[in-house]
Amino acid sequence: MQTKFRVHEAAELLGLHPAHLYRLIRDGQITPKGQHPLYFTKDALRQHIRSRYKSFDYLFPEAQ
């Protein structure tokens, strides 16, 4: 399974427009792992989802 996601891939997985994902990066709400090129780990995406949707851990306890 893929463990690194570029901006467009991560945005698609999160259901966001890439410009919105860049805004979240700028605002410090999600942190990319790499800088050149920007990429996100699966754990970073999961952490962002947990912060946005408090019921994530309740619905998917095995994802902890």
N, C-alpha and C. Protein backbone atom coordinates (compact mmCIF):
# COMPACT_ATOMS: atom_id res chain seq x y z
N MET A 1 0.84 -1.19 0.00
CA MET A 1 0.00 0.00 0.00
C MET A 1 0.88 1.25 0.00
N GLN A 2 0.39 2.26 -0.65
CA GLN A 2 1.12 3.52 -0.75
C GLN A 2 1.22 4.19 0.62
N THR A 3 2.40 4.73 0.93
CA THR A 3 2.59 5.38 2.23
C THR A 3 2.90 6.88 2.11
N LYS A 4 3.24 7.33 0.92
CA LYS A 4 3.51 8.76 0.69
C LYS A 4 2.57 9.27 -0.38
N PHE A 5 2.03 10.48 -0.15
CA PHE A 5 1.07 11.06 -1.07
C PHE A 5 1.47 12.48 -1.41
N ARG A 6 1.55 12.79 -2.69
CA ARG A 6 1.83 14.14 -3.14
C ARG A 6 0.60 15.00 -2.89
N VAL A 7 0.70 16.29 -3.06
CA VAL A 7 -0.37 17.23 -2.73
C VAL A 7 -1.67 16.89 -3.44
N HIS A 8 -1.62 16.65 -4.74
CA HIS A 8 -2.87 16.37 -5.48
C HIS A 8 -3.50 15.06 -5.01
N GLU A 9 -2.68 14.06 -4.73
CA GLU A 9 -3.21 12.78 -4.24
C GLU A 9 -3.83 12.95 -2.85
N ALA A 10 -3.13 13.65 -1.97
CA ALA A 10 -3.63 13.86 -0.61
C ALA A 10 -4.92 14.67 -0.63
N ALA A 11 -4.97 15.70 -1.47
CA ALA A 11 -6.17 16.52 -1.58
C ALA A 11 -7.35 15.67 -2.04
N GLU A 12 -7.12 14.81 -3.01
CA GLU A 12 -8.19 13.95 -3.50
C GLU A 12 -8.67 13.00 -2.40
N LEU A 13 -7.74 12.42 -1.64
CA LEU A 13 -8.12 11.52 -0.56
C LEU A 13 -8.93 12.23 0.52
N LEU A 14 -8.59 13.49 0.79
CA LEU A 14 -9.29 14.26 1.82
C LEU A 14 -10.55 14.93 1.29
N GLY A 15 -10.76 14.85 -0.01
CA GLY A 15 -11.95 15.49 -0.60
C GLY A 15 -11.81 17.00 -0.68
N LEU A 16 -10.59 17.46 -0.89
CA LEU A 16 -10.32 18.90 -0.94
C LEU A 16 -9.76 19.29 -2.30
N HIS A 17 -9.86 20.56 -2.61
CA HIS A 17 -9.17 21.11 -3.76
C HIS A 17 -7.71 21.30 -3.33
N PRO A 18 -6.74 21.07 -4.22
CA PRO A 18 -5.33 21.25 -3.84
C PRO A 18 -5.04 22.63 -3.25
N ALA A 19 -5.70 23.69 -3.74
CA ALA A 19 -5.48 25.03 -3.19
C ALA A 19 -5.90 25.09 -1.72
N HIS A 20 -6.97 24.37 -1.37
CA HIS A 20 -7.40 24.34 0.02
C HIS A 20 -6.38 23.60 0.88
N LEU A 21 -5.80 22.54 0.35
CA LEU A 21 -4.77 21.81 1.09
C LEU A 21 -3.55 22.70 1.32
N TYR A 22 -3.16 23.47 0.31
CA TYR A 22 -2.05 24.41 0.50
C TYR A 22 -2.39 25.44 1.58
N ARG A 23 -3.64 25.88 1.64
CA ARG A 23 -4.08 26.81 2.68
C ARG A 23 -3.96 26.17 4.07
N LEU A 24 -4.33 24.90 4.18
CA LEU A 24 -4.21 24.20 5.46
C LEU A 24 -2.75 24.08 5.88
N ILE A 25 -1.87 23.85 4.91
CA ILE A 25 -0.43 23.79 5.20
C ILE A 25 0.03 25.15 5.72
N ARG A 26 -0.33 26.20 5.01
CA ARG A 26 0.07 27.56 5.40
C ARG A 26 -0.42 27.92 6.80
N ASP A 27 -1.64 27.49 7.13
CA ASP A 27 -2.24 27.79 8.43
C ASP A 27 -1.78 26.84 9.54
N GLY A 28 -0.94 25.87 9.20
CA GLY A 28 -0.40 24.96 10.21
C GLY A 28 -1.37 23.87 10.66
N GLN A 29 -2.43 23.62 9.89
CA GLN A 29 -3.40 22.61 10.27
C GLN A 29 -3.01 21.21 9.83
N ILE A 30 -2.12 21.12 8.85
CA ILE A 30 -1.58 19.84 8.40
C ILE A 30 -0.13 20.09 7.99
N THR A 31 0.74 19.17 8.34
CA THR A 31 2.17 19.35 8.10
C THR A 31 2.68 18.32 7.11
N PRO A 32 3.26 18.78 6.01
CA PRO A 32 3.85 17.84 5.06
C PRO A 32 5.13 17.25 5.63
N LYS A 33 5.50 16.07 5.18
CA LYS A 33 6.73 15.43 5.63
C LYS A 33 7.91 15.96 4.83
N GLY A 34 7.83 15.86 3.53
CA GLY A 34 8.92 16.32 2.68
C GLY A 34 8.69 17.74 2.22
N GLN A 35 9.74 18.40 1.80
CA GLN A 35 9.62 19.78 1.34
C GLN A 35 9.80 19.89 -0.18
N HIS A 36 10.67 19.10 -0.74
CA HIS A 36 10.94 19.18 -2.19
C HIS A 36 11.01 17.78 -2.74
N PRO A 37 9.94 17.21 -3.21
CA PRO A 37 8.59 17.74 -3.33
C PRO A 37 7.80 17.58 -2.04
N LEU A 38 6.74 18.35 -1.92
CA LEU A 38 5.84 18.22 -0.75
C LEU A 38 5.15 16.87 -0.83
N TYR A 39 5.14 16.17 0.29
CA TYR A 39 4.35 14.94 0.35
C TYR A 39 3.87 14.74 1.78
N PHE A 40 2.89 13.88 1.93
CA PHE A 40 2.28 13.58 3.22
C PHE A 40 2.34 12.09 3.46
N THR A 41 2.51 11.73 4.71
CA THR A 41 2.45 10.32 5.06
C THR A 41 0.99 9.96 5.37
N LYS A 42 0.73 8.68 5.36
CA LYS A 42 -0.61 8.21 5.69
C LYS A 42 -0.96 8.62 7.12
N ASP A 43 0.01 8.60 8.03
CA ASP A 43 -0.24 9.00 9.41
C ASP A 43 -0.60 10.49 9.52
N ALA A 44 0.05 11.33 8.72
CA ALA A 44 -0.27 12.77 8.75
C ALA A 44 -1.70 13.01 8.28
N LEU A 45 -2.11 12.29 7.24
CA LEU A 45 -3.49 12.43 6.74
C LEU A 45 -4.48 11.92 7.78
N ARG A 46 -4.15 10.79 8.39
CA ARG A 46 -5.04 10.23 9.42
C ARG A 46 -5.16 11.19 10.60
N GLN A 47 -4.06 11.81 11.01
CA GLN A 47 -4.08 12.77 12.12
C GLN A 47 -4.94 13.98 11.79
N HIS A 48 -4.87 14.43 10.55
CA HIS A 48 -5.71 15.57 10.13
C HIS A 48 -7.19 15.19 10.20
N ILE A 49 -7.51 14.00 9.72
CA ILE A 49 -8.90 13.54 9.77
C ILE A 49 -9.37 13.45 11.21
N ARG A 50 -8.53 12.92 12.10
CA ARG A 50 -8.89 12.84 13.52
C ARG A 50 -9.15 14.21 14.12
N SER A 51 -8.37 15.20 13.73
CA SER A 51 -8.55 16.54 14.29
C SER A 51 -9.83 17.19 13.77
N ARG A 52 -10.23 16.87 12.55
CA ARG A 52 -11.44 17.46 11.97
C ARG A 52 -12.71 16.73 12.37
N TYR A 53 -12.61 15.43 12.53
CA TYR A 53 -13.78 14.61 12.81
C TYR A 53 -13.54 13.83 14.10
N LYS A 54 -14.06 14.36 15.18
CA LYS A 54 -13.82 13.79 16.51
C LYS A 54 -14.35 12.36 16.65
N SER A 55 -15.31 11.98 15.82
CA SER A 55 -15.89 10.63 15.92
C SER A 55 -15.04 9.58 15.19
N PHE A 56 -13.96 9.97 14.55
CA PHE A 56 -13.12 9.03 13.79
C PHE A 56 -12.65 7.87 14.66
N ASP A 57 -12.12 8.18 15.84
CA ASP A 57 -11.61 7.12 16.72
C ASP A 57 -12.72 6.20 17.22
N TYR A 58 -13.90 6.75 17.39
CA TYR A 58 -15.02 5.94 17.82
C TYR A 58 -15.49 5.00 16.72
N LEU A 59 -15.53 5.52 15.49
CA LEU A 59 -16.00 4.72 14.35
C LEU A 59 -14.96 3.71 13.88
N PHE A 60 -13.68 4.07 13.97
CA PHE A 60 -12.60 3.23 13.46
C PHE A 60 -11.52 3.01 14.52
N PRO A 61 -11.83 2.32 15.61
CA PRO A 61 -10.83 2.15 16.67
C PRO A 61 -9.61 1.37 16.22
N GLU A 62 -9.73 0.53 15.20
CA GLU A 62 -8.59 -0.25 14.73
C GLU A 62 -7.57 0.60 13.99
N ALA A 63 -7.92 1.83 13.61
CA ALA A 63 -7.03 2.71 12.88
C ALA A 63 -6.09 3.50 13.80
N GLN A 64 -6.09 3.19 15.08
CA GLN A 64 -5.24 3.93 16.02
C GLN A 64 -3.89 3.41 15.98
